[in-house]
C-alpha atoms as a PDB file:
ATOM      1  CA  MET A   1       0.000   0.000   0.000  1.00  0.00           C
ATOM      2  CA  GLU A   2       2.883   2.396   0.743  1.00  0.00           C
ATOM      3  CA  ASN A   3       4.108   1.969  -2.843  1.00  0.00           C
ATOM      4  CA  ILE A   4       0.654   2.676  -4.263  1.00  0.00           C
ATOM      5  CA  ILE A   5       0.329   5.819  -2.146  1.00  0.00           C
ATOM      6  CA  ARG A   6       3.811   7.014  -3.167  1.00  0.00           C
ATOM      7  CA  GLN A   7       3.197   6.323  -6.865  1.00  0.00           C
ATOM      8  CA  LYS A   8      -0.168   8.093  -6.930  1.00  0.00           C
ATOM      9  CA  LEU A   9       1.041  11.157  -5.015  1.00  0.00           C
ATOM     10  CA  THR A  10       4.209  11.424  -7.091  1.00  0.00           C
ATOM     11  CA  ALA A  11       2.287  11.105 -10.368  1.00  0.00           C
ATOM     12  CA  ALA A  12      -0.298  13.695  -9.362  1.00  0.00           C
ATOM     13  CA  LEU A  13       1.792  16.161  -7.365  1.00  0.00           C
ATOM     14  CA  GLY A  14       5.399  15.591  -8.329  1.00  0.00           C
ATOM     15  CA  PRO A  15       6.329  16.034  -4.640  1.00  0.00           C
ATOM     16  CA  MET A  16       9.864  16.929  -3.743  1.00  0.00           C
ATOM     17  CA  ILE A  17       9.668  15.008  -0.467  1.00  0.00           C
ATOM     18  CA  VAL A  18       7.313  12.184   0.514  1.00  0.00           C
ATOM     19  CA  GLU A  19       7.442  10.218   3.764  1.00  0.00           C
ATOM     20  CA  ILE A  20       4.888   7.484   4.323  1.00  0.00           C
ATOM     21  CA  ALA A  21       4.531   5.544   7.563  1.00  0.00           C
ATOM     22  CA  ASN A  22       2.172   2.630   8.058  1.00  0.00           C
ATOM     23  CA  VAL A  23       0.810   3.131  11.580  1.00  0.00           C
ATOM     24  CA  SER A  24      -1.888   0.438  11.349  1.00  0.00           C
ATOM     25  CA  GLU A  25      -0.440  -1.557  14.259  1.00  0.00           C
ATOM     26  CA  ARG A  26      -1.305   1.312  16.605  1.00  0.00           C
ATOM     27  CA  HIS A  27      -4.964   0.718  15.784  1.00  0.00           C
ATOM     28  CA  ALA A  28      -4.976  -3.092  15.846  1.00  0.00           C
ATOM     29  CA  GLY A  29      -7.426  -3.220  18.776  1.00  0.00           C
ATOM     30  CA  HIS A  30     -10.188  -1.405  16.916  1.00  0.00           C
ATOM     31  CA  GLU A  31     -13.084  -3.757  16.308  1.00  0.00           C
ATOM     32  CA  GLU A  32     -13.559  -2.661  12.685  1.00  0.00           C
ATOM     33  CA  MET A  33      -9.829  -2.914  11.857  1.00  0.00           C
ATOM     34  CA  PRO A  34      -8.738  -6.357  10.667  1.00  0.00           C
ATOM     35  CA  LYS A  35      -5.419  -7.387  12.202  1.00  0.00           C
ATOM     36  CA  GLY A  36      -2.382  -6.866   9.990  1.00  0.00           C
ATOM     37  CA  LYS A  37      -4.108  -4.731   7.386  1.00  0.00           C
ATOM     38  CA  ASN A  38      -2.799  -1.538   5.782  1.00  0.00           C
ATOM     39  CA  THR A  39      -5.457   0.776   7.136  1.00  0.00           C
ATOM     40  CA  HIS A  40      -3.782   3.774   8.836  1.00  0.00           C
ATOM     41  CA  PHE A  41      -1.033   5.928   7.339  1.00  0.00           C
ATOM     42  CA  ARG A  42       0.911   9.048   8.229  1.00  0.00           C
ATOM     43  CA  ILE A  43       1.991  11.046   5.176  1.00  0.00           C
ATOM     44  CA  LYS A  44       4.391  13.982   5.127  1.00  0.00           C
ATOM     45  CA  ALA A  45       4.790  15.612   1.727  1.00  0.00           C
ATOM     46  CA  THR A  46       6.345  18.776   0.372  1.00  0.00           C
ATOM     47  CA  SER A  47       5.301  19.864  -3.104  1.00  0.00           C
ATOM     48  CA  THR A  48       4.969  23.016  -5.168  1.00  0.00           C
ATOM     49  CA  ALA A  49       1.420  21.778  -5.881  1.00  0.00           C
ATOM     50  CA  PHE A  50       0.499  22.872  -2.338  1.00  0.00           C
ATOM     51  CA  SER A  51       1.648  26.469  -2.885  1.00  0.00           C
ATOM     52  CA  GLY A  52      -1.228  28.910  -2.461  1.00  0.00           C
ATOM     53  CA  LEU A  53      -3.609  26.257  -1.142  1.00  0.00           C
ATOM     54  CA  SER A  54      -5.158  26.290   2.312  1.00  0.00           C
ATOM     55  CA  ARG A  55      -4.641  23.346   4.644  1.00  0.00           C
ATOM     56  CA  LEU A  56      -8.161  22.124   3.852  1.00  0.00           C
ATOM     57  CA  GLU A  57      -7.588  22.391   0.088  1.00  0.00           C
ATOM     58  CA  ARG A  58      -4.346  20.412   0.408  1.00  0.00           C
ATOM     59  CA  HIS A  59      -6.105  17.655   2.337  1.00  0.00           C
ATOM     60  CA  ARG A  60      -8.948  17.524  -0.175  1.00  0.00           C
ATOM     61  CA  LEU A  61      -6.430  17.252  -3.010  1.00  0.00           C
ATOM     62  CA  VAL A  62      -4.719  14.259  -1.399  1.00  0.00           C
ATOM     63  CA  TYR A  63      -8.083  12.656  -0.545  1.00  0.00           C
ATOM     64  CA  ASP A  64      -9.125  13.015  -4.199  1.00  0.00           C
ATOM     65  CA  ILE A  65      -5.865  11.413  -5.374  1.00  0.00           C
ATOM     66  CA  LEU A  66      -6.279   8.492  -2.950  1.00  0.00           C
ATOM     67  CA  ASN A  67     -10.063   8.227  -3.343  1.00  0.00           C
ATOM     68  CA  GLU A  68     -10.032   4.591  -4.486  1.00  0.00           C
ATOM     69  CA  GLU A  69      -7.873   3.506  -1.541  1.00  0.00           C
ATOM     70  CA  LEU A  70      -9.919   5.540   0.959  1.00  0.00           C
ATOM     71  CA  ASN A  71     -13.062   3.784  -0.263  1.00  0.00           C
ATOM     72  CA  GLY A  72     -11.386   0.416   0.159  1.00  0.00           C
ATOM     73  CA  THR A  73      -8.345  -0.442   2.237  1.00  0.00           C
ATOM     74  CA  ILE A  74      -7.358   2.827   3.902  1.00  0.00           C
ATOM     75  CA  HIS A  75      -9.364   3.806   6.976  1.00  0.00           C
ATOM     76  CA  ALA A  76      -7.429   6.892   8.124  1.00  0.00           C
ATOM     77  CA  LEU A  77      -4.731   9.320   7.020  1.00  0.00           C
ATOM     78  CA  SER A  78      -2.669  11.722   9.100  1.00  0.00           C
ATOM     79  CA  LEU A  79      -1.387  14.425   6.751  1.00  0.00           C
ATOM     80  CA  SER A  80       1.357  17.016   6.959  1.00  0.00           C
ATOM     81  CA  LEU A  81       1.397  18.826   3.607  1.00  0.00           C
ATOM     82  CA  LEU A  82       3.736  21.727   2.936  1.00  0.00           C
ATOM     83  CA  ALA A  83       4.822  23.971   0.094  1.00  0.00           C
ATOM     84  CA  PRO A  84       8.617  24.144  -0.401  1.00  0.00           C
ATOM     85  CA  ASN A  85       8.901  27.591   1.219  1.00  0.00           C
ATOM     86  CA  GLU A  86       7.129  26.506   4.427  1.00  0.00           C
ATOM     87  CA  LYS A  87       8.769  25.211   7.599  1.00  0.00           C
ATOM     88  CA  LYS A  88       7.839  21.896   9.162  1.00  0.00           C
END
């Protein structure tokens, strides 16, 4: 799943930096979360595509890119999305 996320974000945004962490194990006790699945991810990305966009617009953009996965395997995303001129 990490590779799919990376490929889709890179194709759509051409990000300069992308960090993806599978944090599904932290949510293994949730009743609706099958054990060992790729369901929860933390994504940090820096891209010129985020320049001039609000935080909400950036999140919506990523949700649109990963729409298929969010309607299937992925249950939750934690996003940190920056333009190149912004500090972490």
